[in-house]
């Protein structure tokens, strides 16, 4: 009796189920080839820090920042994958990167080189109040650059997105916007771009207007507008075309709408009714009451001395 040895054979998937399995496998392999960071689970921005030894304590503080805290920025800009690691250079005053930058600048980003430069010895001014704020602001520039596929963006839009990535609109911003409105005339978006290349006063005004305009745009359209504009720019559309296809208005129309909404009511009431102004009013009122009581006590003491009473 002869026994036939049966060798196991590989069975190819067949039918609809088999096709689906093969398609899933193909897509998975393609994604892993295009985005190898998924193999290590790196779905948040990664950083490579460079600094003199004396600045190592600052590097240690920045390394404590959880990269996942930038996930909301990636979602806001429409980035599914963060891209390659971002180089972060901490530059003291005597370093070439610091000497080449304007005195008012506390940091800058080089999108094409995936590099951030933090000028650690500079006095921090609006819109950044800490080194962490500068870091988040510049990371916002890098991520916006990547979301746009490296294509150019108007300065006002780029800065507006970076500010929204680094900070929320608060009492200081409202107060600065009121001052920007009453201390100067309206500016177009093109003029706003040029303000970033002037003196430090003009630059601070440009920042607050860029932030205000971007925030106003999102409030009157959708929070998803930035990601859709950036995606269209990445596909090859010019910024004005991407803006109009996303918002159904031209940048000029959006600019006119913004300024038409900046009435006295819109400018002053939010500041006057904010918690910051309430506490400032309470503090000033308490100081006024204290001063009034001091004057009254002094007047009584003087009257007693004139009447020769012993105190």
C-alpha atoms as a PDB file:
ATOM      1  CA  UNK A   1       0.000   0.000   0.000  1.00  0.00           C
ATOM      2  CA  UNK A   2       1.568   3.231  -1.165  1.00  0.00           C
ATOM      3  CA  UNK A   3       0.945   6.371   0.830  1.00  0.00           C
ATOM      4  CA  UNK A   4       1.188   9.643  -1.012  1.00  0.00           C
ATOM      5  CA  UNK A   5       2.743  12.486   0.902  1.00  0.00           C
ATOM      6  CA  UNK A   6       0.667  15.577   0.509  1.00  0.00           C
ATOM      7  CA  UNK A   7       2.665  18.805   0.548  1.00  0.00           C
ATOM      8  CA  UNK A   8       0.885  21.883   1.849  1.00  0.00           C
ATOM      9  CA  UNK A   9       0.296  24.464  -0.823  1.00  0.00           C
ATOM     10  CA  UNK A  10      -0.012  28.208  -0.471  1.00  0.00           C
ATOM     11  CA  UNK A  11      -3.535  29.229  -1.292  1.00  0.00           C
ATOM     12  CA  UNK A  12      -3.877  32.566  -2.983  1.00  0.00           C
ATOM     13  CA  UNK A  13      -6.687  34.749  -1.692  1.00  0.00           C
ATOM     14  CA  UNK A  14      -9.526  34.667  -4.113  1.00  0.00           C
ATOM     15  CA  UNK A  15     -12.845  36.377  -4.526  1.00  0.00           C
ATOM     16  CA  UNK A  16     -13.813  39.810  -3.158  1.00  0.00           C
ATOM     17  CA  UNK A  17     -12.326  39.160   0.283  1.00  0.00           C
ATOM     18  CA  UNK A  18      -8.982  38.199  -1.204  1.00  0.00           C
ATOM     19  CA  UNK A  19      -8.832  41.365  -3.296  1.00  0.00           C
ATOM     20  CA  UNK A  20      -9.574  43.501  -0.251  1.00  0.00           C
ATOM     21  CA  UNK A  21      -6.779  41.818   1.729  1.00  0.00           C
ATOM     22  CA  UNK A  22      -4.278  42.413  -1.062  1.00  0.00           C
ATOM     23  CA  UNK A  23      -5.341  46.075  -1.397  1.00  0.00           C
ATOM     24  CA  UNK A  24      -4.978  46.672   2.348  1.00  0.00           C
ATOM     25  CA  UNK A  25      -1.531  45.067   2.332  1.00  0.00           C
ATOM     26  CA  UNK A  26      -0.447  47.196  -0.636  1.00  0.00           C
ATOM     27  CA  UNK A  27      -1.691  50.440   0.967  1.00  0.00           C
ATOM     28  CA  UNK A  28       0.006  49.580   4.270  1.00  0.00           C
ATOM     29  CA  UNK A  29       3.353  48.888   2.616  1.00  0.00           C
ATOM     30  CA  UNK A  30       3.088  52.095   0.564  1.00  0.00           C
ATOM     31  CA  UNK A  31       2.379  54.185   3.678  1.00  0.00           C
ATOM     32  CA  UNK A  32       5.293  52.660   5.577  1.00  0.00           C
ATOM     33  CA  UNK A  33       7.646  53.371   2.682  1.00  0.00           C
ATOM     34  CA  UNK A  34       6.441  56.977   2.357  1.00  0.00           C
ATOM     35  CA  UNK A  35       6.295  57.600   6.127  1.00  0.00           C
ATOM     36  CA  UNK A  36       8.872  55.398   7.894  1.00  0.00           C
ATOM     37  CA  UNK A  37       8.264  57.295  11.157  1.00  0.00           C
ATOM     38  CA  UNK A  38       5.071  55.272  11.538  1.00  0.00           C
ATOM     39  CA  UNK A  39       7.191  52.201  12.270  1.00  0.00           C
ATOM     40  CA  UNK A  40       8.502  53.885  15.406  1.00  0.00           C
ATOM     41  CA  UNK A  41       5.164  55.444  16.283  1.00  0.00           C
ATOM     42  CA  UNK A  42       6.476  58.995  15.697  1.00  0.00           C
ATOM     43  CA  UNK A  43       3.303  60.830  14.736  1.00  0.00           C
ATOM     44  CA  UNK A  44       4.268  64.093  16.464  1.00  0.00           C
ATOM     45  CA  UNK A  45       7.072  66.489  15.486  1.00  0.00           C
ATOM     46  CA  UNK A  46      10.552  65.348  16.495  1.00  0.00           C
ATOM     47  CA  UNK A  47      13.401  67.776  17.270  1.00  0.00           C
ATOM     48  CA  UNK A  48      17.187  67.862  17.078  1.00  0.00           C
ATOM     49  CA  UNK A  49      18.626  70.492  19.443  1.00  0.00           C
ATOM     50  CA  UNK A  50      21.934  72.299  18.948  1.00  0.00           C
ATOM     51  CA  UNK A  51      23.410  74.774  21.437  1.00  0.00           C
ATOM     52  CA  UNK A  52      26.556  75.861  23.274  1.00  0.00           C
ATOM     53  CA  UNK A  53      27.131  73.978  26.522  1.00  0.00           C
ATOM     54  CA  UNK A  54      26.185  77.036  28.574  1.00  0.00           C
ATOM     55  CA  UNK A  55      22.650  76.881  27.146  1.00  0.00           C
ATOM     56  CA  UNK A  56      22.085  73.213  27.954  1.00  0.00           C
ATOM     57  CA  UNK A  57      19.632  74.089  30.801  1.00  0.00           C
ATOM     58  CA  UNK A  58      17.392  75.834  28.236  1.00  0.00           C
ATOM     59  CA  UNK A  59      17.618  72.825  25.943  1.00  0.00           C
ATOM     60  CA  UNK A  60      16.595  70.588  28.846  1.00  0.00           C
ATOM     61  CA  UNK A  61      13.515  72.766  29.438  1.00  0.00           C
ATOM     62  CA  UNK A  62      12.501  72.569  25.790  1.00  0.00           C
ATOM     63  CA  UNK A  63      13.004  68.807  25.757  1.00  0.00           C
ATOM     64  CA  UNK A  64      10.457  68.573  28.575  1.00  0.00           C
ATOM     65  CA  UNK A  65       7.760  69.784  26.171  1.00  0.00           C
ATOM     66  CA  UNK A  66       5.674  66.830  25.073  1.00  0.00           C
ATOM     67  CA  UNK A  67       5.697  66.694  21.237  1.00  0.00           C
ATOM     68  CA  UNK A  68       2.098  65.489  21.402  1.00  0.00           C
ATOM     69  CA  UNK A  69       1.144  68.954  22.647  1.00  0.00           C
ATOM     70  CA  UNK A  70       1.665  70.050  19.028  1.00  0.00           C
ATOM     71  CA  UNK A  71      -0.920  67.572  17.754  1.00  0.00           C
ATOM     72  CA  UNK A  72      -3.647  70.213  17.882  1.00  0.00           C
ATOM     73  CA  UNK A  73      -1.495  72.473  15.690  1.00  0.00           C
ATOM     74  CA  UNK A  74      -1.029  69.658  13.174  1.00  0.00           C
ATOM     75  CA  UNK A  75      -4.792  69.043  13.127  1.00  0.00           C
ATOM     76  CA  UNK A  76      -5.457  72.772  12.731  1.00  0.00           C
ATOM     77  CA  UNK A  77      -3.113  72.933   9.715  1.00  0.00           C
ATOM     78  CA  UNK A  78      -4.294  69.648   8.205  1.00  0.00           C
ATOM     79  CA  UNK A  79      -1.056  67.691   8.698  1.00  0.00           C
ATOM     80  CA  UNK A  80      -1.450  63.957   9.216  1.00  0.00           C
ATOM     81  CA  UNK A  81       2.293  63.345   9.459  1.00  0.00           C
ATOM     82  CA  UNK A  82       4.819  65.779  10.963  1.00  0.00           C
ATOM     83  CA  UNK A  83       7.603  65.137   8.481  1.00  0.00           C
ATOM     84  CA  UNK A  84      11.344  64.886   9.234  1.00  0.00           C
ATOM     85  CA  UNK A  85      12.843  66.072  12.542  1.00  0.00           C
ATOM     86  CA  UNK A  86      13.042  69.837  13.050  1.00  0.00           C
ATOM     87  CA  UNK A  87      16.472  71.286  13.816  1.00  0.00           C
ATOM     88  CA  UNK A  88      16.382  73.733  16.750  1.00  0.00           C
ATOM     89  CA  UNK A  89      19.397  76.043  17.181  1.00  0.00           C
ATOM     90  CA  UNK A  90      19.760  78.024  20.416  1.00  0.00           C
ATOM     91  CA  UNK A  91      21.871  81.044  19.515  1.00  0.00           C
ATOM     92  CA  UNK A  92      23.459  83.483  22.027  1.00  0.00           C
ATOM     93  CA  UNK A  93      24.128  87.154  21.218  1.00  0.00           C
ATOM     94  CA  UNK A  94      27.625  86.677  19.808  1.00  0.00           C
ATOM     95  CA  UNK A  95      26.613  83.897  17.395  1.00  0.00           C
ATOM     96  CA  UNK A  96      26.271  84.531  13.615  1.00  0.00           C
ATOM     97  CA  UNK A  97      22.520  83.643  13.559  1.00  0.00           C
ATOM     98  CA  UNK A  98      21.848  86.288  16.236  1.00  0.00           C
ATOM     99  CA  UNK A  99      24.010  88.965  14.609  1.00  0.00           C
ATOM    100  CA  UNK A 100      22.195  88.543  11.293  1.00  0.00           C
ATOM    101  CA  UNK A 101      18.708  89.038  12.807  1.00  0.00           C
ATOM    102  CA  UNK A 102      16.958  92.369  13.601  1.00  0.00           C
ATOM    103  CA  UNK A 103      17.258  93.468  17.238  1.00  0.00           C
ATOM    104  CA  UNK A 104      13.521  93.090  17.948  1.00  0.00           C
ATOM    105  CA  UNK A 105      13.476  89.456  16.782  1.00  0.00           C
ATOM    106  CA  UNK A 106      13.587  86.655  19.381  1.00  0.00           C
ATOM    107  CA  UNK A 107      13.468  83.759  16.933  1.00  0.00           C
ATOM    108  CA  UNK A 108      12.879  82.794  13.332  1.00  0.00           C
ATOM    109  CA  UNK A 109      12.139  79.755  11.187  1.00  0.00           C
ATOM    110  CA  UNK A 110      13.665  78.544   7.924  1.00  0.00           C
ATOM    111  CA  UNK A 111      10.931  76.424   6.404  1.00  0.00           C
ATOM    112  CA  UNK A 112      12.946  75.092   3.464  1.00  0.00           C
ATOM    113  CA  UNK A 113      15.703  73.934   5.853  1.00  0.00           C
ATOM    114  CA  UNK A 114      13.330  72.643   8.584  1.00  0.00           C
ATOM    115  CA  UNK A 115      15.284  74.794  11.040  1.00  0.00           C
ATOM    116  CA  UNK A 116      14.310  77.011  13.962  1.00  0.00           C
ATOM    117  CA  UNK A 117      16.671  79.575  15.502  1.00  0.00           C
ATOM    118  CA  UNK A 118      15.936  80.770  19.051  1.00  0.00           C
ATOM    119  CA  UNK A 119      17.795  83.946  20.053  1.00  0.00           C
ATOM    120  CA  UNK A 120      18.101  83.240  23.744  1.00  0.00           C
ATOM    121  CA  UNK A 121      19.592  86.584  24.896  1.00  0.00           C
ATOM    122  CA  UNK A 122      16.965  88.817  23.300  1.00  0.00           C
ATOM    123  CA  UNK A 123      14.399  90.664  25.399  1.00  0.00           C
ATOM    124  CA  UNK A 124      11.048  89.018  24.737  1.00  0.00           C
ATOM    125  CA  UNK A 125       8.398  91.303  23.263  1.00  0.00           C
ATOM    126  CA  UNK A 126       4.868  90.860  21.936  1.00  0.00           C
ATOM    127  CA  UNK A 127       3.624  88.383  20.803  1.00  0.00           C
ATOM    128  CA  UNK A 128       5.945  86.104  22.797  1.00  0.00           C
ATOM    129  CA  UNK A 129       6.256  86.182  26.573  1.00  0.00           C
ATOM    130  CA  UNK A 130       8.540  83.182  27.076  1.00  0.00           C
ATOM    131  CA  UNK A 131      11.033  80.986  25.261  1.00  0.00           C
ATOM    132  CA  UNK A 132       8.318  78.334  25.063  1.00  0.00           C
ATOM    133  CA  UNK A 133       6.039  80.804  23.240  1.00  0.00           C
ATOM    134  CA  UNK A 134       8.799  81.554  20.730  1.00  0.00           C
ATOM    135  CA  UNK A 135       9.390  77.829  20.239  1.00  0.00           C
ATOM    136  CA  UNK A 136       5.712  77.054  19.566  1.00  0.00           C
ATOM    137  CA  UNK A 137       5.403  80.083  17.273  1.00  0.00           C
ATOM    138  CA  UNK A 138       8.345  79.036  15.105  1.00  0.00           C
ATOM    139  CA  UNK A 139       7.232  75.388  15.027  1.00  0.00           C
ATOM    140  CA  UNK A 140       3.903  76.708  13.720  1.00  0.00           C
ATOM    141  CA  UNK A 141       5.767  78.308  10.807  1.00  0.00           C
ATOM    142  CA  UNK A 142       7.565  75.047   9.965  1.00  0.00           C
ATOM    143  CA  UNK A 143       4.360  72.991  10.078  1.00  0.00           C
ATOM    144  CA  UNK A 144       2.439  75.552   7.974  1.00  0.00           C
ATOM    145  CA  UNK A 145       5.269  75.474   5.430  1.00  0.00           C
ATOM    146  CA  UNK A 146       4.983  71.683   5.236  1.00  0.00           C
ATOM    147  CA  UNK A 147       1.181  71.748   5.028  1.00  0.00           C
ATOM    148  CA  UNK A 148       1.492  74.110   2.044  1.00  0.00           C
ATOM    149  CA  UNK A 149       3.950  71.769   0.336  1.00  0.00           C
ATOM    150  CA  UNK A 150       6.708  74.360   0.620  1.00  0.00           C
ATOM    151  CA  UNK A 151       4.772  76.901  -1.450  1.00  0.00           C
ATOM    152  CA  UNK A 152       4.891  80.590  -0.556  1.00  0.00           C
ATOM    153  CA  UNK A 153       2.255  82.049   1.783  1.00  0.00           C
ATOM    154  CA  UNK A 154       1.424  85.733   2.417  1.00  0.00           C
ATOM    155  CA  UNK A 155       3.234  86.970   5.510  1.00  0.00           C
ATOM    156  CA  UNK A 156       0.014  87.999   7.268  1.00  0.00           C
ATOM    157  CA  UNK A 157      -1.484  84.520   6.846  1.00  0.00           C
ATOM    158  CA  UNK A 158       1.711  82.723   7.855  1.00  0.00           C
ATOM    159  CA  UNK A 159       2.111  84.869  10.993  1.00  0.00           C
ATOM    160  CA  UNK A 160      -1.589  84.669  11.839  1.00  0.00           C
ATOM    161  CA  UNK A 161      -1.469  80.858  11.790  1.00  0.00           C
ATOM    162  CA  UNK A 162       1.747  80.769  13.828  1.00  0.00           C
ATOM    163  CA  UNK A 163       0.254  83.053  16.477  1.00  0.00           C
ATOM    164  CA  UNK A 164      -2.856  80.907  16.740  1.00  0.00           C
ATOM    165  CA  UNK A 165      -0.595  77.883  17.201  1.00  0.00           C
ATOM    166  CA  UNK A 166       1.353  79.560  20.012  1.00  0.00           C
ATOM    167  CA  UNK A 167      -1.227  81.587  21.952  1.00  0.00           C
ATOM    168  CA  UNK A 168      -4.909  82.300  22.450  1.00  0.00           C
ATOM    169  CA  UNK A 169      -6.551  85.680  21.878  1.00  0.00           C
ATOM    170  CA  UNK A 170      -6.579  87.410  25.266  1.00  0.00           C
ATOM    171  CA  UNK A 171      -7.024  90.752  27.007  1.00  0.00           C
ATOM    172  CA  UNK A 172      -3.608  92.017  25.878  1.00  0.00           C
ATOM    173  CA  UNK A 173      -4.434  91.235  22.253  1.00  0.00           C
ATOM    174  CA  UNK A 174      -7.782  93.032  22.475  1.00  0.00           C
ATOM    175  CA  UNK A 175      -6.173  96.078  24.052  1.00  0.00           C
ATOM    176  CA  UNK A 176      -3.441  96.144  21.413  1.00  0.00           C
ATOM    177  CA  UNK A 177      -6.040  95.832  18.647  1.00  0.00           C
ATOM    178  CA  UNK A 178      -7.979  98.797  20.055  1.00  0.00           C
ATOM    179  CA  UNK A 179      -4.772 100.840  20.147  1.00  0.00           C
ATOM    180  CA  UNK A 180      -3.843  99.752  16.612  1.00  0.00           C
ATOM    181  CA  UNK A 181      -7.245 100.934  15.406  1.00  0.00           C
ATOM    182  CA  UNK A 182      -7.291 104.335  17.095  1.00  0.00           C
ATOM    183  CA  UNK A 183      -3.617 105.191  16.611  1.00  0.00           C
ATOM    184  CA  UNK A 184      -3.440 104.673  12.862  1.00  0.00           C
ATOM    185  CA  UNK A 185      -5.445 104.247   9.691  1.00  0.00           C
ATOM    186  CA  UNK A 186      -6.768 101.061   8.146  1.00  0.00           C
ATOM    187  CA  UNK A 187      -4.259  98.986   6.218  1.00  0.00           C
ATOM    188  CA  UNK A 188      -4.744  96.545   3.367  1.00  0.00           C
ATOM    189  CA  UNK A 189      -3.426  93.006   3.525  1.00  0.00           C
ATOM    190  CA  UNK A 190      -0.619  93.967   1.143  1.00  0.00           C
ATOM    191  CA  UNK A 191       0.309  96.892   3.395  1.00  0.00           C
ATOM    192  CA  UNK A 192       0.115  94.573   6.386  1.00  0.00           C
ATOM    193  CA  UNK A 193       2.759  92.353   4.788  1.00  0.00           C
ATOM    194  CA  UNK A 194       5.129  95.325   4.489  1.00  0.00           C
ATOM    195  CA  UNK A 195       4.693  96.279   8.173  1.00  0.00           C
ATOM    196  CA  UNK A 196       6.610  93.126   9.128  1.00  0.00           C
ATOM    197  CA  UNK A 197       9.703  94.572   7.430  1.00  0.00           C
ATOM    198  CA  UNK A 198       9.719  97.935   9.228  1.00  0.00           C
ATOM    199  CA  UNK A 199      10.620  99.084  12.750  1.00  0.00           C
ATOM    200  CA  UNK A 200       9.700  97.213  15.928  1.00  0.00           C
ATOM    201  CA  UNK A 201       6.559  99.332  16.555  1.00  0.00           C
ATOM    202  CA  UNK A 202       5.245  98.544  13.080  1.00  0.00           C
ATOM    203  CA  UNK A 203       6.102  94.866  13.534  1.00  0.00           C
ATOM    204  CA  UNK A 204       4.114  94.612  16.784  1.00  0.00           C
ATOM    205  CA  UNK A 205       1.157  96.288  15.080  1.00  0.00           C
ATOM    206  CA  UNK A 206       1.486  93.868  12.167  1.00  0.00           C
ATOM    207  CA  UNK A 207       1.415  90.875  14.515  1.00  0.00           C
ATOM    208  CA  UNK A 208      -1.748  91.955  16.303  1.00  0.00           C
ATOM    209  CA  UNK A 209      -3.549  92.786  13.038  1.00  0.00           C
ATOM    210  CA  UNK A 210      -2.515  89.486  11.430  1.00  0.00           C
ATOM    211  CA  UNK A 211      -3.751  87.594  14.484  1.00  0.00           C
ATOM    212  CA  UNK A 212      -7.000  89.581  14.602  1.00  0.00           C
ATOM    213  CA  UNK A 213      -7.689  89.162  10.894  1.00  0.00           C
ATOM    214  CA  UNK A 214      -7.037  85.396  10.957  1.00  0.00           C
ATOM    215  CA  UNK A 215      -9.208  84.959  14.036  1.00  0.00           C
ATOM    216  CA  UNK A 216     -12.000  87.052  12.491  1.00  0.00           C
ATOM    217  CA  UNK A 217     -11.796  84.988   9.298  1.00  0.00           C
ATOM    218  CA  UNK A 218     -12.227  81.718  11.187  1.00  0.00           C
ATOM    219  CA  UNK A 219     -15.063  83.092  13.334  1.00  0.00           C
ATOM    220  CA  UNK A 220     -17.046  84.082  10.249  1.00  0.00           C
ATOM    221  CA  UNK A 221     -16.244  81.044   8.094  1.00  0.00           C
ATOM    222  CA  UNK A 222     -14.985  77.803   9.638  1.00  0.00           C
ATOM    223  CA  UNK A 223     -12.172  76.518  11.845  1.00  0.00           C
ATOM    224  CA  UNK A 224     -11.234  74.175   8.975  1.00  0.00           C
ATOM    225  CA  UNK A 225     -10.476  77.039   6.583  1.00  0.00           C
ATOM    226  CA  UNK A 226      -6.681  77.074   7.159  1.00  0.00           C
ATOM    227  CA  UNK A 227      -6.211  73.372   6.438  1.00  0.00           C
ATOM    228  CA  UNK A 228      -8.286  73.582   3.246  1.00  0.00           C
ATOM    229  CA  UNK A 229      -6.416  76.653   1.997  1.00  0.00           C
ATOM    230  CA  UNK A 230      -3.044  75.046   2.720  1.00  0.00           C
ATOM    231  CA  UNK A 231      -4.081  71.791   1.027  1.00  0.00           C
ATOM    232  CA  UNK A 232      -5.108  73.657  -2.143  1.00  0.00           C
ATOM    233  CA  UNK A 233      -1.857  75.633  -2.160  1.00  0.00           C
ATOM    234  CA  UNK A 234       0.020  72.345  -1.838  1.00  0.00           C
ATOM    235  CA  UNK A 235      -1.884  71.049  -4.868  1.00  0.00           C
ATOM    236  CA  UNK A 236      -0.542  73.935  -6.943  1.00  0.00           C
ATOM    237  CA  UNK A 237      -3.135  76.713  -6.656  1.00  0.00           C
ATOM    238  CA  UNK A 238      -1.983  80.241  -5.922  1.00  0.00           C
ATOM    239  CA  UNK A 239      -2.896  81.561  -2.485  1.00  0.00           C
ATOM    240  CA  UNK A 240      -5.631  83.945  -3.787  1.00  0.00           C
ATOM    241  CA  UNK A 241      -7.199  81.063  -5.765  1.00  0.00           C
ATOM    242  CA  UNK A 242      -7.048  78.691  -2.793  1.00  0.00           C
ATOM    243  CA  UNK A 243      -8.466  81.388  -0.514  1.00  0.00           C
ATOM    244  CA  UNK A 244     -11.371  82.171  -2.819  1.00  0.00           C
ATOM    245  CA  UNK A 245     -12.256  78.517  -3.496  1.00  0.00           C
ATOM    246  CA  UNK A 246     -12.292  77.820   0.256  1.00  0.00           C
ATOM    247  CA  UNK A 247     -13.999  80.944   1.626  1.00  0.00           C
ATOM    248  CA  UNK A 248     -16.073  81.916  -1.468  1.00  0.00           C
ATOM    249  CA  UNK A 249     -14.654  85.434  -1.339  1.00  0.00           C
ATOM    250  CA  UNK A 250     -11.452  87.094  -2.450  1.00  0.00           C
ATOM    251  CA  UNK A 251      -8.820  88.221   0.068  1.00  0.00           C
ATOM    252  CA  UNK A 252      -9.790  91.813  -0.725  1.00  0.00           C
ATOM    253  CA  UNK A 253     -13.451  91.103   0.116  1.00  0.00           C
ATOM    254  CA  UNK A 254     -12.420  89.379   3.350  1.00  0.00           C
ATOM    255  CA  UNK A 255     -10.259  92.384   4.207  1.00  0.00           C
ATOM    256  CA  UNK A 256     -13.185  94.768   3.628  1.00  0.00           C
ATOM    257  CA  UNK A 257     -15.477  92.599   5.759  1.00  0.00           C
ATOM    258  CA  UNK A 258     -12.950  92.597   8.593  1.00  0.00           C
ATOM    259  CA  UNK A 259     -12.620  96.383   8.696  1.00  0.00           C
ATOM    260  CA  UNK A 260     -16.392  96.880   8.405  1.00  0.00           C
ATOM    261  CA  UNK A 261     -16.819  94.816  11.577  1.00  0.00           C
ATOM    262  CA  UNK A 262     -14.326  96.910  13.535  1.00  0.00           C
ATOM    263  CA  UNK A 263     -16.918  99.333  14.910  1.00  0.00           C
ATOM    264  CA  UNK A 264     -16.582 101.272  18.148  1.00  0.00           C
ATOM    265  CA  UNK A 265     -18.867  98.703  19.783  1.00  0.00           C
ATOM    266  CA  UNK A 266     -16.745  95.778  18.610  1.00  0.00           C
ATOM    267  CA  UNK A 267     -13.509  97.512  19.554  1.00  0.00           C
ATOM    268  CA  UNK A 268     -14.241  98.802  23.014  1.00  0.00           C
ATOM    269  CA  UNK A 269     -16.958  96.638  24.565  1.00  0.00           C
ATOM    270  CA  UNK A 270     -14.950  93.372  24.602  1.00  0.00           C
ATOM    271  CA  UNK A 271     -12.087  95.190  26.318  1.00  0.00           C
ATOM    272  CA  UNK A 272     -14.318  97.057  28.747  1.00  0.00           C
ATOM    273  CA  UNK A 273     -16.190  93.896  29.785  1.00  0.00           C
ATOM    274  CA  UNK A 274     -13.206  91.531  29.895  1.00  0.00           C
ATOM    275  CA  UNK A 275     -12.095  90.002  33.199  1.00  0.00           C
ATOM    276  CA  UNK A 276      -8.783  91.858  32.945  1.00  0.00           C
ATOM    277  CA  UNK A 277     -10.520  95.217  32.729  1.00  0.00           C
ATOM    278  CA  UNK A 278     -12.870  94.302  35.582  1.00  0.00           C
ATOM    279  CA  UNK A 279      -9.932  93.518  37.874  1.00  0.00           C
ATOM    280  CA  UNK A 280      -8.116  96.654  36.745  1.00  0.00           C
ATOM    281  CA  UNK A 281     -11.205  98.720  37.552  1.00  0.00           C
ATOM    282  CA  UNK A 282     -11.526  97.079  40.989  1.00  0.00           C
ATOM    283  CA  UNK A 283      -7.847  97.737  41.705  1.00  0.00           C
ATOM    284  CA  UNK A 284      -8.095 101.392  40.662  1.00  0.00           C
ATOM    285  CA  UNK A 285     -11.282 101.807  42.697  1.00  0.00           C
ATOM    286  CA  UNK A 286      -9.656 100.292  45.775  1.00  0.00           C
ATOM    287  CA  UNK A 287      -6.640 102.574  45.315  1.00  0.00           C
ATOM    288  CA  UNK A 288      -8.950 105.623  44.988  1.00  0.00           C
ATOM    289  CA  UNK A 289     -10.833 104.673  48.187  1.00  0.00           C
ATOM    290  CA  UNK A 290      -7.528 104.172  50.017  1.00  0.00           C
ATOM    291  CA  UNK A 291      -6.234 107.572  48.881  1.00  0.00           C
ATOM    292  CA  UNK A 292      -9.511 109.234  49.885  1.00  0.00           C
ATOM    293  CA  UNK A 293      -9.349 107.669  53.339  1.00  0.00           C
ATOM    294  CA  UNK A 294      -5.733 108.805  53.744  1.00  0.00           C
ATOM    295  CA  UNK A 295      -6.673 112.390  52.832  1.00  0.00           C
ATOM    296  CA  UNK A 296      -9.612 112.321  55.236  1.00  0.00           C
ATOM    297  CA  UNK A 297      -7.453 110.954  58.071  1.00  0.00           C
ATOM    298  CA  UNK A 298      -4.829 113.624  57.399  1.00  0.00           C
ATOM    299  CA  UNK A 299      -7.490 116.352  57.471  1.00  0.00           C
ATOM    300  CA  UNK A 300      -8.859 115.084  60.824  1.00  0.00           C
ATOM    301  CA  UNK A 301      -5.340 114.903  62.301  1.00  0.00           C
ATOM    302  CA  UNK A 302      -4.627 118.462  61.174  1.00  0.00           C
ATOM    303  CA  UNK A 303      -7.906 119.669  62.712  1.00  0.00           C
ATOM    304  CA  UNK A 304      -7.036 117.988  66.026  1.00  0.00           C
ATOM    305  CA  UNK A 305      -3.612 119.622  66.069  1.00  0.00           C
ATOM    306  CA  UNK A 306      -5.177 123.024  65.458  1.00  0.00           C
ATOM    307  CA  UNK A 307      -7.609 122.410  68.339  1.00  0.00           C
ATOM    308  CA  UNK A 308      -4.634 121.365  70.509  1.00  0.00           C
ATOM    309  CA  UNK A 309      -5.888 117.866  71.146  1.00  0.00           C
ATOM    310  CA  UNK A 310      -3.390 115.211  72.076  1.00  0.00           C
ATOM    311  CA  UNK A 311      -3.332 112.347  69.593  1.00  0.00           C
END
